[in-house]
Amino acid sequence: MHKTAEQNARRFFDTYVPKESKTFLEIGSYLSSFNIRSLSSENSKYTGVDLGPGPGVDVVLTDPYKLPFEDNSFDYVISSSCFEHSEFFWVLFLEIIRVLKPTGLFYLNAPSNGDFHRFPVDCWRFFPDSGNAMSNWAKRNGYNTAVIEQYTSDKESDIWSDYISIFIKDVNNIHLYNDRILNNFKDYTNGTIYPHNTILNQKTW
């Protein structure tokens, strides 16, 4: 995991994840360098899934678009530097929303720029409207999903500018999360906070 992704994951945990027992699912959990699992509390239940066995992988998926878990199973789903490698990420997104608890959050980190890098394919880059588009796709499929906040972080000693979007499965529970990353973090462009009436640090090309 590159440095920008590591720092964004830390910001998410510091802002949204309490220091108590929770259930986590990480999509694309094969360890390359930084271990996101290490950010969760010791008594939490953390499950990592990927397409093949290896360090950090608890469950090997036989179908990349089917998560072998019951509805409403997890407090948090984490995906970092993975969605660019998913040919049909919108299908996976609905599975993620399905397995989240109604109060649950999905943390998405995906590149907004950077070199072509197959693993085993490299299909997508994500931009400021990506999160709201996925949220609208979930609503079209019967969920009450919303983006709490989203932004594109500046590079941190590497080539990547990461797109971050934080979703809540049911927007009726958004009051449970009062703090926002963008209240304190400033090194980003094109950020918005629910209800997304204003673009913060807007940059266009």
N, C-alpha and C. Protein backbone atom coordinates (compact mmCIF):
# COMPACT_ATOMS: atom_id res chain seq x y z
N MET A 1 0.84 -1.19 0.00
CA MET A 1 0.00 0.00 0.00
C MET A 1 0.88 1.25 0.00
N HIS A 2 0.59 2.18 -0.89
CA HIS A 2 1.39 3.38 -0.96
C HIS A 2 1.08 4.33 0.21
N LYS A 3 1.96 5.31 0.41
CA LYS A 3 1.90 6.15 1.60
C LYS A 3 0.60 6.95 1.68
N THR A 4 0.12 7.46 0.55
CA THR A 4 -1.10 8.24 0.58
C THR A 4 -2.27 7.40 1.06
N ALA A 5 -2.37 6.16 0.60
CA ALA A 5 -3.45 5.28 1.01
C ALA A 5 -3.36 4.96 2.51
N GLU A 6 -2.16 4.74 2.99
CA GLU A 6 -1.97 4.46 4.42
C GLU A 6 -2.46 5.62 5.27
N GLN A 7 -2.09 6.84 4.91
CA GLN A 7 -2.49 8.00 5.70
C GLN A 7 -3.99 8.25 5.64
N ASN A 8 -4.60 8.01 4.48
CA ASN A 8 -6.05 8.17 4.39
C ASN A 8 -6.78 7.15 5.24
N ALA A 9 -6.28 5.91 5.29
CA ALA A 9 -6.90 4.89 6.14
C ALA A 9 -6.81 5.30 7.61
N ARG A 10 -5.68 5.84 8.01
CA ARG A 10 -5.54 6.29 9.41
C ARG A 10 -6.54 7.40 9.72
N ARG A 11 -6.74 8.32 8.78
CA ARG A 11 -7.70 9.41 9.01
C ARG A 11 -9.11 8.86 9.19
N PHE A 12 -9.47 7.87 8.39
CA PHE A 12 -10.79 7.27 8.51
C PHE A 12 -10.97 6.63 9.89
N PHE A 13 -10.02 5.82 10.31
CA PHE A 13 -10.14 5.16 11.61
C PHE A 13 -10.17 6.18 12.75
N ASP A 14 -9.33 7.19 12.67
CA ASP A 14 -9.29 8.20 13.73
C ASP A 14 -10.61 8.96 13.83
N THR A 15 -11.30 9.14 12.72
CA THR A 15 -12.50 9.95 12.68
C THR A 15 -13.77 9.15 12.93
N TYR A 16 -13.85 7.94 12.40
CA TYR A 16 -15.12 7.22 12.36
C TYR A 16 -15.18 5.94 13.18
N VAL A 17 -14.05 5.42 13.61
CA VAL A 17 -14.05 4.10 14.25
C VAL A 17 -13.72 4.25 15.73
N PRO A 18 -14.65 3.91 16.62
CA PRO A 18 -14.38 4.01 18.05
C PRO A 18 -13.44 2.91 18.52
N LYS A 19 -12.81 3.12 19.66
CA LYS A 19 -11.87 2.14 20.22
C LYS A 19 -12.65 1.09 21.02
N GLU A 20 -13.45 0.32 20.32
CA GLU A 20 -14.23 -0.73 20.96
C GLU A 20 -14.42 -1.86 19.96
N SER A 21 -15.00 -2.95 20.43
CA SER A 21 -15.16 -4.13 19.58
C SER A 21 -16.13 -3.86 18.45
N LYS A 22 -15.68 -4.09 17.22
CA LYS A 22 -16.51 -3.91 16.03
C LYS A 22 -16.23 -5.04 15.06
N THR A 23 -17.07 -5.16 14.04
CA THR A 23 -16.86 -6.16 13.00
C THR A 23 -16.44 -5.45 11.72
N PHE A 24 -15.36 -5.97 11.11
CA PHE A 24 -14.78 -5.37 9.91
C PHE A 24 -14.69 -6.41 8.80
N LEU A 25 -14.90 -5.94 7.58
CA LEU A 25 -14.62 -6.73 6.39
C LEU A 25 -13.72 -5.90 5.49
N GLU A 26 -12.58 -6.45 5.10
CA GLU A 26 -11.70 -5.76 4.16
C GLU A 26 -11.73 -6.47 2.81
N ILE A 27 -12.01 -5.71 1.76
CA ILE A 27 -12.05 -6.21 0.39
C ILE A 27 -10.69 -5.99 -0.24
N GLY A 28 -10.05 -7.06 -0.71
CA GLY A 28 -8.71 -6.95 -1.27
C GLY A 28 -7.68 -6.83 -0.18
N SER A 29 -7.64 -7.83 0.71
CA SER A 29 -6.87 -7.72 1.95
C SER A 29 -5.46 -8.30 1.87
N TYR A 30 -5.07 -8.84 0.71
CA TYR A 30 -3.72 -9.40 0.59
C TYR A 30 -2.68 -8.34 0.94
N LEU A 31 -1.79 -8.68 1.85
CA LEU A 31 -0.84 -7.70 2.37
C LEU A 31 0.31 -7.47 1.39
N SER A 32 0.56 -6.19 1.09
CA SER A 32 1.74 -5.82 0.32
C SER A 32 2.72 -5.06 1.19
N SER A 33 2.22 -4.13 1.99
CA SER A 33 3.09 -3.40 2.91
C SER A 33 2.31 -3.08 4.18
N PHE A 34 1.57 -1.96 4.19
CA PHE A 34 0.84 -1.55 5.39
C PHE A 34 -0.38 -2.45 5.61
N ASN A 35 -0.62 -2.82 6.86
CA ASN A 35 -1.73 -3.68 7.25
C ASN A 35 -2.84 -2.85 7.87
N ILE A 36 -3.93 -2.61 7.13
CA ILE A 36 -5.04 -1.82 7.65
C ILE A 36 -5.62 -2.48 8.90
N ARG A 37 -5.61 -3.82 8.93
CA ARG A 37 -6.14 -4.55 10.07
C ARG A 37 -5.55 -4.06 11.39
N SER A 38 -4.30 -3.62 11.35
CA SER A 38 -3.62 -3.19 12.58
C SER A 38 -4.25 -1.94 13.19
N LEU A 39 -5.08 -1.23 12.43
CA LEU A 39 -5.73 -0.02 12.94
C LEU A 39 -6.96 -0.33 13.79
N SER A 40 -7.50 -1.53 13.66
CA SER A 40 -8.69 -1.90 14.43
C SER A 40 -8.28 -2.29 15.85
N SER A 41 -9.23 -2.20 16.79
CA SER A 41 -8.95 -2.58 18.16
C SER A 41 -8.73 -4.09 18.26
N GLU A 42 -7.98 -4.52 19.26
CA GLU A 42 -7.57 -5.91 19.37
C GLU A 42 -8.74 -6.86 19.53
N ASN A 43 -9.83 -6.42 20.14
CA ASN A 43 -10.96 -7.31 20.37
C ASN A 43 -12.01 -7.24 19.26
N SER A 44 -11.69 -6.57 18.17
CA SER A 44 -12.61 -6.52 17.04
C SER A 44 -12.51 -7.80 16.22
N LYS A 45 -13.57 -8.11 15.50
CA LYS A 45 -13.56 -9.24 14.58
C LYS A 45 -13.29 -8.70 13.19
N TYR A 46 -12.17 -9.10 12.61
CA TYR A 46 -11.71 -8.55 11.32
C TYR A 46 -11.56 -9.70 10.34
N THR A 47 -12.22 -9.56 9.18
CA THR A 47 -12.18 -10.58 8.14
C THR A 47 -11.66 -9.96 6.85
N GLY A 48 -10.63 -10.55 6.28
CA GLY A 48 -10.08 -10.09 5.01
C GLY A 48 -10.40 -11.06 3.89
N VAL A 49 -10.86 -10.55 2.76
CA VAL A 49 -11.17 -11.39 1.60
C VAL A 49 -10.36 -10.93 0.41
N ASP A 50 -9.99 -11.90 -0.44
CA ASP A 50 -9.27 -11.60 -1.67
C ASP A 50 -9.48 -12.75 -2.64
N LEU A 51 -8.90 -12.62 -3.82
CA LEU A 51 -9.12 -13.62 -4.87
C LEU A 51 -8.17 -14.80 -4.78
N GLY A 52 -7.15 -14.71 -3.93
CA GLY A 52 -6.22 -15.80 -3.76
C GLY A 52 -5.70 -15.82 -2.34
N PRO A 53 -5.11 -16.95 -1.91
CA PRO A 53 -4.59 -17.05 -0.55
C PRO A 53 -3.32 -16.23 -0.36
N GLY A 54 -3.04 -15.90 0.88
CA GLY A 54 -1.83 -15.16 1.18
C GLY A 54 -1.96 -14.47 2.52
N PRO A 55 -0.92 -13.75 2.93
CA PRO A 55 -0.97 -13.04 4.21
C PRO A 55 -2.08 -12.00 4.22
N GLY A 56 -2.85 -11.98 5.29
CA GLY A 56 -3.95 -11.04 5.43
C GLY A 56 -5.27 -11.53 4.87
N VAL A 57 -5.28 -12.68 4.21
CA VAL A 57 -6.49 -13.20 3.58
C VAL A 57 -7.10 -14.29 4.46
N ASP A 58 -8.30 -14.06 4.96
CA ASP A 58 -9.02 -15.04 5.77
C ASP A 58 -9.97 -15.89 4.93
N VAL A 59 -10.54 -15.29 3.88
CA VAL A 59 -11.49 -15.98 3.02
C VAL A 59 -11.11 -15.72 1.58
N VAL A 60 -10.94 -16.78 0.81
CA VAL A 60 -10.67 -16.65 -0.63
C VAL A 60 -12.00 -16.69 -1.37
N LEU A 61 -12.27 -15.66 -2.14
CA LEU A 61 -13.53 -15.56 -2.88
C LEU A 61 -13.50 -16.46 -4.11
N THR A 62 -14.54 -17.23 -4.30
CA THR A 62 -14.68 -18.03 -5.52
C THR A 62 -15.33 -17.22 -6.62
N ASP A 63 -16.03 -16.16 -6.24
CA ASP A 63 -16.66 -15.22 -7.18
C ASP A 63 -16.37 -13.82 -6.66
N PRO A 64 -15.68 -12.97 -7.44
CA PRO A 64 -15.32 -11.64 -6.93
C PRO A 64 -16.51 -10.73 -6.68
N TYR A 65 -17.68 -11.14 -7.11
CA TYR A 65 -18.87 -10.31 -6.96
C TYR A 65 -19.90 -10.93 -6.02
N LYS A 66 -19.47 -11.94 -5.25
CA LYS A 66 -20.33 -12.57 -4.24
C LYS A 66 -19.57 -12.62 -2.92
N LEU A 67 -20.08 -11.94 -1.92
CA LEU A 67 -19.46 -11.97 -0.60
C LEU A 67 -20.20 -13.01 0.24
N PRO A 68 -19.50 -14.04 0.73
CA PRO A 68 -20.15 -15.17 1.39
C PRO A 68 -20.53 -14.88 2.84
N PHE A 69 -21.32 -13.83 3.03
CA PHE A 69 -21.73 -13.42 4.36
C PHE A 69 -23.21 -13.04 4.34
N GLU A 70 -23.83 -13.12 5.52
CA GLU A 70 -25.25 -12.79 5.65
C GLU A 70 -25.47 -11.28 5.50
N ASP A 71 -26.69 -10.90 5.19
CA ASP A 71 -27.08 -9.49 5.19
C ASP A 71 -26.78 -8.89 6.57
N ASN A 72 -26.43 -7.60 6.58
CA ASN A 72 -26.31 -6.84 7.83
C ASN A 72 -25.31 -7.47 8.81
N SER A 73 -24.14 -7.86 8.31
CA SER A 73 -23.16 -8.58 9.13
C SER A 73 -22.07 -7.70 9.72
N PHE A 74 -21.73 -6.58 9.08
CA PHE A 74 -20.52 -5.85 9.44
C PHE A 74 -20.80 -4.40 9.81
N ASP A 75 -20.02 -3.91 10.79
CA ASP A 75 -20.07 -2.49 11.15
C ASP A 75 -19.34 -1.63 10.12
N TYR A 76 -18.23 -2.19 9.58
CA TYR A 76 -17.41 -1.45 8.63
C TYR A 76 -16.95 -2.37 7.51
N VAL A 77 -16.98 -1.86 6.30
CA VAL A 77 -16.32 -2.52 5.18
C VAL A 77 -15.24 -1.57 4.66
N ILE A 78 -14.06 -2.11 4.43
CA ILE A 78 -12.90 -1.33 4.01
C ILE A 78 -12.43 -1.82 2.66
N SER A 79 -12.16 -0.90 1.74
CA SER A 79 -11.55 -1.26 0.47
C SER A 79 -10.56 -0.18 0.08
N SER A 80 -9.29 -0.55 -0.02
CA SER A 80 -8.25 0.41 -0.35
C SER A 80 -7.43 -0.11 -1.52
N SER A 81 -7.34 0.70 -2.57
CA SER A 81 -6.54 0.36 -3.75
C SER A 81 -6.98 -0.96 -4.37
N CYS A 82 -8.28 -1.13 -4.48
CA CYS A 82 -8.85 -2.37 -4.98
C CYS A 82 -9.86 -2.16 -6.10
N PHE A 83 -10.71 -1.14 -5.97
CA PHE A 83 -11.81 -0.98 -6.93
C PHE A 83 -11.33 -0.73 -8.35
N GLU A 84 -10.14 -0.19 -8.52
CA GLU A 84 -9.62 0.01 -9.88
C GLU A 84 -9.38 -1.31 -10.59
N HIS A 85 -9.24 -2.39 -9.81
CA HIS A 85 -8.98 -3.72 -10.36
C HIS A 85 -10.24 -4.55 -10.53
N SER A 86 -11.40 -4.00 -10.16
CA SER A 86 -12.67 -4.72 -10.27
C SER A 86 -13.36 -4.34 -11.57
N GLU A 87 -13.52 -5.31 -12.47
CA GLU A 87 -14.12 -5.00 -13.77
C GLU A 87 -15.53 -4.44 -13.63
N PHE A 88 -16.29 -4.96 -12.69
CA PHE A 88 -17.67 -4.52 -12.48
C PHE A 88 -17.83 -4.05 -11.04
N PHE A 89 -17.15 -2.98 -10.67
CA PHE A 89 -17.12 -2.56 -9.28
C PHE A 89 -18.51 -2.22 -8.74
N TRP A 90 -19.42 -1.80 -9.61
CA TRP A 90 -20.77 -1.44 -9.17
C TRP A 90 -21.54 -2.67 -8.67
N VAL A 91 -21.22 -3.85 -9.21
CA VAL A 91 -21.83 -5.08 -8.73
C VAL A 91 -21.29 -5.40 -7.33
N LEU A 92 -19.99 -5.29 -7.17
CA LEU A 92 -19.36 -5.50 -5.86
C LEU A 92 -19.88 -4.49 -4.85
N PHE A 93 -20.08 -3.26 -5.27
CA PHE A 93 -20.57 -2.22 -4.36
C PHE A 93 -21.91 -2.61 -3.74
N LEU A 94 -22.83 -3.15 -4.53
CA LEU A 94 -24.12 -3.57 -3.98
C LEU A 94 -23.96 -4.70 -2.97
N GLU A 95 -23.02 -5.60 -3.21
CA GLU A 95 -22.75 -6.66 -2.25
C GLU A 95 -22.21 -6.08 -0.93
N ILE A 96 -21.36 -5.08 -1.04
CA ILE A 96 -20.83 -4.43 0.15
C ILE A 96 -21.95 -3.79 0.95
N ILE A 97 -22.83 -3.07 0.28
CA ILE A 97 -23.96 -2.43 0.97
C ILE A 97 -24.85 -3.50 1.61
N ARG A 98 -25.05 -4.60 0.93
CA ARG A 98 -25.90 -5.67 1.47
C ARG A 98 -25.38 -6.20 2.79
N VAL A 99 -24.06 -6.44 2.90
CA VAL A 99 -23.52 -7.08 4.10
C VAL A 99 -23.28 -6.08 5.23
N LEU A 100 -23.36 -4.78 4.96
CA LEU A 100 -23.25 -3.78 6.02
C LEU A 100 -24.49 -3.78 6.91
N LYS A 101 -24.27 -3.52 8.19
CA LYS A 101 -25.39 -3.25 9.09
C LYS A 101 -26.03 -1.92 8.69
N PRO A 102 -27.29 -1.68 9.05
CA PRO A 102 -27.94 -0.41 8.69
C PRO A 102 -27.18 0.82 9.18
N THR A 103 -26.44 0.69 10.28
CA THR A 103 -25.63 1.80 10.80
C THR A 103 -24.21 1.78 10.25
N GLY A 104 -23.90 0.81 9.37
CA GLY A 104 -22.54 0.56 8.94
C GLY A 104 -22.00 1.53 7.91
N LEU A 105 -20.67 1.61 7.85
CA LEU A 105 -19.97 2.49 6.93
C LEU A 105 -19.10 1.68 5.97
N PHE A 106 -19.01 2.18 4.75
CA PHE A 106 -18.08 1.64 3.76
C PHE A 106 -17.04 2.70 3.45
N TYR A 107 -15.76 2.36 3.69
CA TYR A 107 -14.64 3.25 3.37
C TYR A 107 -14.04 2.80 2.05
N LEU A 108 -14.07 3.69 1.07
CA LEU A 108 -13.51 3.41 -0.25
C LEU A 108 -12.33 4.33 -0.51
N ASN A 109 -11.19 3.72 -0.85
CA ASN A 109 -10.03 4.44 -1.33
C ASN A 109 -9.69 3.85 -2.70
N ALA A 110 -9.69 4.70 -3.72
CA ALA A 110 -9.36 4.25 -5.08
C ALA A 110 -8.60 5.37 -5.77
N PRO A 111 -7.69 5.03 -6.66
CA PRO A 111 -6.85 6.06 -7.27
C PRO A 111 -7.62 7.00 -8.19
N SER A 112 -7.22 8.25 -8.17
CA SER A 112 -7.77 9.24 -9.09
C SER A 112 -6.78 9.55 -10.21
N ASN A 113 -5.58 9.00 -10.11
CA ASN A 113 -4.56 9.16 -11.15
C ASN A 113 -3.61 7.97 -11.07
N GLY A 114 -2.45 8.07 -11.68
CA GLY A 114 -1.41 7.06 -11.49
C GLY A 114 -1.22 6.13 -12.67
N ASP A 115 -0.13 5.38 -12.61
CA ASP A 115 0.30 4.51 -13.70
C ASP A 115 -0.62 3.30 -13.86
N PHE A 116 -0.63 2.78 -15.05
CA PHE A 116 -1.30 1.51 -15.35
C PHE A 116 -0.62 0.39 -14.57
N HIS A 117 -1.41 -0.38 -13.79
CA HIS A 117 -0.83 -1.43 -12.96
C HIS A 117 -1.82 -2.58 -12.83
N ARG A 118 -1.63 -3.61 -13.59
CA ARG A 118 -2.54 -4.75 -13.58
C ARG A 118 -2.39 -5.59 -12.31
N PHE A 119 -3.57 -6.02 -11.79
CA PHE A 119 -3.56 -6.94 -10.64
C PHE A 119 -4.90 -7.67 -10.55
N PRO A 120 -5.31 -8.50 -11.45
CA PRO A 120 -4.65 -8.82 -12.72
C PRO A 120 -5.04 -7.85 -13.85
N VAL A 121 -6.02 -6.96 -13.57
CA VAL A 121 -6.42 -5.96 -14.55
C VAL A 121 -6.42 -4.60 -13.87
N ASP A 122 -6.40 -3.54 -14.65
CA ASP A 122 -6.46 -2.18 -14.13
C ASP A 122 -7.43 -1.41 -15.01
N CYS A 123 -8.64 -1.15 -14.50
CA CYS A 123 -9.74 -0.67 -15.35
C CYS A 123 -10.19 0.76 -15.10
N TRP A 124 -10.01 1.29 -13.90
CA TRP A 124 -10.74 2.50 -13.54
C TRP A 124 -9.89 3.49 -12.75
N ARG A 125 -10.26 4.78 -12.85
CA ARG A 125 -9.83 5.83 -11.95
C ARG A 125 -11.09 6.56 -11.48
N PHE A 126 -11.04 7.15 -10.28
CA PHE A 126 -12.25 7.68 -9.66
C PHE A 126 -12.13 9.19 -9.44
N PHE A 127 -13.25 9.89 -9.64
CA PHE A 127 -13.29 11.34 -9.62
C PHE A 127 -14.37 11.85 -8.66
N PRO A 128 -14.49 13.17 -8.45
CA PRO A 128 -15.34 13.71 -7.40
C PRO A 128 -16.80 13.26 -7.42
N ASP A 129 -17.35 12.90 -8.55
CA ASP A 129 -18.75 12.47 -8.60
C ASP A 129 -18.93 10.96 -8.46
N SER A 130 -17.83 10.22 -8.32
CA SER A 130 -17.92 8.77 -8.30
C SER A 130 -18.74 8.24 -7.13
N GLY A 131 -18.49 8.77 -5.93
CA GLY A 131 -19.20 8.29 -4.75
C GLY A 131 -20.69 8.51 -4.84
N ASN A 132 -21.10 9.71 -5.25
CA ASN A 132 -22.53 9.98 -5.37
C ASN A 132 -23.17 9.12 -6.45
N ALA A 133 -22.43 8.81 -7.51
CA ALA A 133 -22.96 7.93 -8.55
C ALA A 133 -23.21 6.54 -7.97
N MET A 134 -22.28 6.02 -7.17
CA MET A 134 -22.48 4.71 -6.55
C MET A 134 -23.64 4.73 -5.56
N SER A 135 -23.73 5.83 -4.80
CA SER A 135 -24.85 5.96 -3.87
C SER A 135 -26.18 5.96 -4.60
N ASN A 136 -26.25 6.65 -5.72
CA ASN A 136 -27.48 6.67 -6.53
C ASN A 136 -27.78 5.29 -7.10
N TRP A 137 -26.74 4.53 -7.44
CA TRP A 137 -26.93 3.16 -7.92
C TRP A 137 -27.53 2.29 -6.82
N ALA A 138 -27.04 2.48 -5.58
CA ALA A 138 -27.61 1.73 -4.45
C ALA A 138 -29.08 2.09 -4.24
N LYS A 139 -29.40 3.37 -4.33
CA LYS A 139 -30.79 3.79 -4.16
C LYS A 139 -31.68 3.19 -5.24
N ARG A 140 -31.16 3.13 -6.45
CA ARG A 140 -31.92 2.53 -7.55
C ARG A 140 -32.20 1.05 -7.30
N ASN A 141 -31.38 0.45 -6.44
CA ASN A 141 -31.53 -0.97 -6.11
C ASN A 141 -32.15 -1.19 -4.73
N GLY A 142 -32.81 -0.16 -4.21
CA GLY A 142 -33.63 -0.35 -3.01
C GLY A 142 -32.99 0.00 -1.69
N TYR A 143 -31.77 0.56 -1.69
CA TYR A 143 -31.11 0.94 -0.45
C TYR A 143 -31.26 2.45 -0.21
N ASN A 144 -31.00 2.86 1.03
CA ASN A 144 -31.11 4.27 1.39
C ASN A 144 -29.72 4.84 1.68
N THR A 145 -28.78 4.49 0.82
CA THR A 145 -27.36 4.80 1.00
C THR A 145 -27.06 6.27 0.71
N ALA A 146 -26.05 6.80 1.41
CA ALA A 146 -25.60 8.17 1.16
C ALA A 146 -24.09 8.25 1.37
N VAL A 147 -23.49 9.24 0.73
CA VAL A 147 -22.07 9.55 0.95
C VAL A 147 -22.00 10.57 2.08
N ILE A 148 -21.26 10.24 3.13
CA ILE A 148 -21.10 11.18 4.24
C ILE A 148 -20.13 12.29 3.85
N GLU A 149 -19.00 11.91 3.26
CA GLU A 149 -18.04 12.89 2.74
C GLU A 149 -17.18 12.21 1.70
N GLN A 150 -16.58 13.04 0.83
CA GLN A 150 -15.69 12.53 -0.21
C GLN A 150 -14.69 13.61 -0.58
N TYR A 151 -13.52 13.17 -1.05
CA TYR A 151 -12.48 14.12 -1.45
C TYR A 151 -11.40 13.37 -2.22
N THR A 152 -10.54 14.12 -2.89
CA THR A 152 -9.35 13.57 -3.53
C THR A 152 -8.13 14.13 -2.80
N SER A 153 -7.39 13.25 -2.15
CA SER A 153 -6.26 13.70 -1.34
C SER A 153 -5.06 14.02 -2.23
N ASP A 154 -4.26 14.98 -1.78
CA ASP A 154 -3.01 15.29 -2.47
C ASP A 154 -2.02 14.14 -2.30
N LYS A 155 -1.05 14.07 -3.18
CA LYS A 155 -0.02 13.04 -3.09
C LYS A 155 0.81 13.22 -1.83
N GLU A 156 1.23 12.10 -1.25
CA GLU A 156 2.12 12.12 -0.09
C GLU A 156 3.35 11.27 -0.41
N SER A 157 4.38 11.87 -0.93
CA SER A 157 5.65 11.21 -1.24
C SER A 157 5.51 10.02 -2.18
N ASP A 158 4.51 10.04 -3.05
CA ASP A 158 4.36 9.01 -4.08
C ASP A 158 3.60 9.61 -5.26
N ILE A 159 3.21 8.81 -6.24
CA ILE A 159 2.59 9.34 -7.45
C ILE A 159 1.07 9.42 -7.36
N TRP A 160 0.48 8.91 -6.28
CA TRP A 160 -0.96 8.70 -6.25
C TRP A 160 -1.72 9.82 -5.56
N SER A 161 -2.79 10.28 -6.22
CA SER A 161 -3.80 11.11 -5.59
C SER A 161 -5.03 10.23 -5.41
N ASP A 162 -5.35 9.89 -4.18
CA ASP A 162 -6.41 8.92 -3.91
C ASP A 162 -7.76 9.59 -3.76
N TYR A 163 -8.77 8.97 -4.36
CA TYR A 163 -10.16 9.37 -4.14
C TYR A 163 -10.70 8.62 -2.93
N ILE A 164 -11.29 9.35 -1.99
CA ILE A 164 -11.85 8.78 -0.77
C ILE A 164 -13.34 9.08 -0.74
N SER A 165 -14.13 8.04 -0.45
CA SER A 165 -15.56 8.24 -0.25
C SER A 165 -16.01 7.39 0.91
N ILE A 166 -16.80 7.97 1.80
CA ILE A 166 -17.29 7.26 2.98
C ILE A 166 -18.80 7.20 2.91
N PHE A 167 -19.33 5.99 2.80
CA PHE A 167 -20.76 5.75 2.62
C PHE A 167 -21.37 5.24 3.92
N ILE A 168 -22.62 5.60 4.14
CA ILE A 168 -23.41 4.99 5.20
C ILE A 168 -24.54 4.22 4.54
N LYS A 169 -24.79 3.01 5.03
CA LYS A 169 -25.80 2.17 4.38
C LYS A 169 -27.17 2.82 4.40
N ASP A 170 -27.57 3.36 5.55
CA ASP A 170 -28.89 4.00 5.69
C ASP A 170 -28.69 5.41 6.21
N VAL A 171 -29.00 6.38 5.39
CA VAL A 171 -28.75 7.78 5.74
C VAL A 171 -29.53 8.21 6.98
N ASN A 172 -30.57 7.47 7.37
CA ASN A 172 -31.30 7.80 8.60
C ASN A 172 -30.43 7.66 9.84
N ASN A 173 -29.30 6.99 9.71
CA ASN A 173 -28.39 6.80 10.84
C ASN A 173 -27.17 7.71 10.80
N ILE A 174 -27.18 8.69 9.92
CA ILE A 174 -26.00 9.54 9.77
C ILE A 174 -25.70 10.34 11.03
N HIS A 175 -26.71 10.57 11.86
CA HIS A 175 -26.52 11.34 13.10
C HIS A 175 -25.59 10.63 14.09
N LEU A 176 -25.33 9.35 13.87
CA LEU A 176 -24.44 8.60 14.75
C LEU A 176 -22.98 8.97 14.53
N TYR A 177 -22.69 9.66 13.44
CA TYR A 177 -21.32 10.02 13.08
C TYR A 177 -21.26 11.54 12.94
N ASN A 178 -20.68 12.19 13.93
CA ASN A 178 -20.72 13.66 13.97
C ASN A 178 -19.47 14.33 13.43
N ASP A 179 -18.33 13.65 13.49
CA ASP A 179 -17.09 14.27 13.03
C ASP A 179 -16.87 13.98 11.56
N ARG A 180 -16.04 14.78 10.91
CA ARG A 180 -15.71 14.61 9.51
C ARG A 180 -14.21 14.78 9.32
N ILE A 181 -13.64 13.99 8.43
CA ILE A 181 -12.22 14.12 8.11
C ILE A 181 -11.92 15.53 7.62
N LEU A 182 -12.79 16.06 6.77
CA LEU A 182 -12.52 17.35 6.14
C LEU A 182 -12.67 18.53 7.09
N ASN A 183 -13.13 18.29 8.32
CA ASN A 183 -13.14 19.36 9.31
C ASN A 183 -11.73 19.75 9.72
N ASN A 184 -10.78 18.81 9.57
CA ASN A 184 -9.41 19.06 10.02
C ASN A 184 -8.36 18.87 8.92
N PHE A 185 -8.61 17.97 7.99
CA PHE A 185 -7.65 17.68 6.92
C PHE A 185 -7.82 18.70 5.79
N LYS A 186 -6.71 19.25 5.30
CA LYS A 186 -6.78 20.34 4.32
C LYS A 186 -6.08 20.03 3.00
N ASP A 187 -5.32 18.95 2.91
CA ASP A 187 -4.52 18.67 1.71
C ASP A 187 -5.30 17.81 0.73
N TYR A 188 -6.32 18.42 0.15
CA TYR A 188 -7.21 17.69 -0.76
C TYR A 188 -7.83 18.67 -1.75
N THR A 189 -8.49 18.12 -2.77
CA THR A 189 -9.28 18.93 -3.71
C THR A 189 -10.66 18.30 -3.86
N ASN A 190 -11.61 19.12 -4.30
CA ASN A 190 -12.96 18.68 -4.70
C ASN A 190 -13.63 17.82 -3.64
N GLY A 191 -13.65 18.33 -2.42
CA GLY A 191 -14.32 17.62 -1.34
C GLY A 191 -15.74 18.10 -1.14
N THR A 192 -16.58 17.23 -0.64
CA THR A 192 -17.94 17.61 -0.24
C THR A 192 -18.31 16.84 1.02
N ILE A 193 -19.21 17.44 1.79
CA ILE A 193 -19.75 16.85 3.01
C ILE A 193 -21.26 16.83 2.89
N TYR A 194 -21.88 15.72 3.26
CA TYR A 194 -23.34 15.60 3.18
C TYR A 194 -24.01 16.81 3.80
N PRO A 195 -24.98 17.44 3.12
CA PRO A 195 -25.69 17.04 1.89
C PRO A 195 -25.05 17.52 0.58
N HIS A 196 -23.77 17.84 0.59
CA HIS A 196 -22.99 18.08 -0.63
C HIS A 196 -23.45 19.31 -1.42
N ASN A 197 -23.78 20.37 -0.70
CA ASN A 197 -24.23 21.60 -1.36
C ASN A 197 -23.08 22.46 -1.86
N THR A 198 -21.88 22.24 -1.32
CA THR A 198 -20.73 23.07 -1.65
C THR A 198 -19.53 22.19 -1.94
N ILE A 199 -18.79 22.52 -3.01
CA ILE A 199 -17.54 21.83 -3.30
C ILE A 199 -16.41 22.57 -2.60
N LEU A 200 -15.66 21.87 -1.80
CA LEU A 200 -14.57 22.46 -1.01
C LEU A 200 -13.25 22.26 -1.74
N ASN A 201 -12.42 23.31 -1.75
CA ASN A 201 -11.12 23.25 -2.46
C ASN A 201 -11.30 22.78 -3.90
N GLN A 202 -12.22 23.42 -4.57
CA GLN A 202 -12.55 22.98 -5.94
C GLN A 202 -11.38 23.20 -6.89
N LYS A 203 -11.13 22.20 -7.69
CA LYS A 203 -10.10 22.26 -8.74
C LYS A 203 -10.61 21.55 -9.98
N THR A 204 -10.56 22.24 -11.09
CA THR A 204 -10.97 21.63 -12.36
C THR A 204 -9.84 21.80 -13.38
N TRP A 205 -9.89 20.97 -14.42
CA TRP A 205 -8.85 21.02 -15.44
C TRP A 205 -9.46 21.34 -16.79
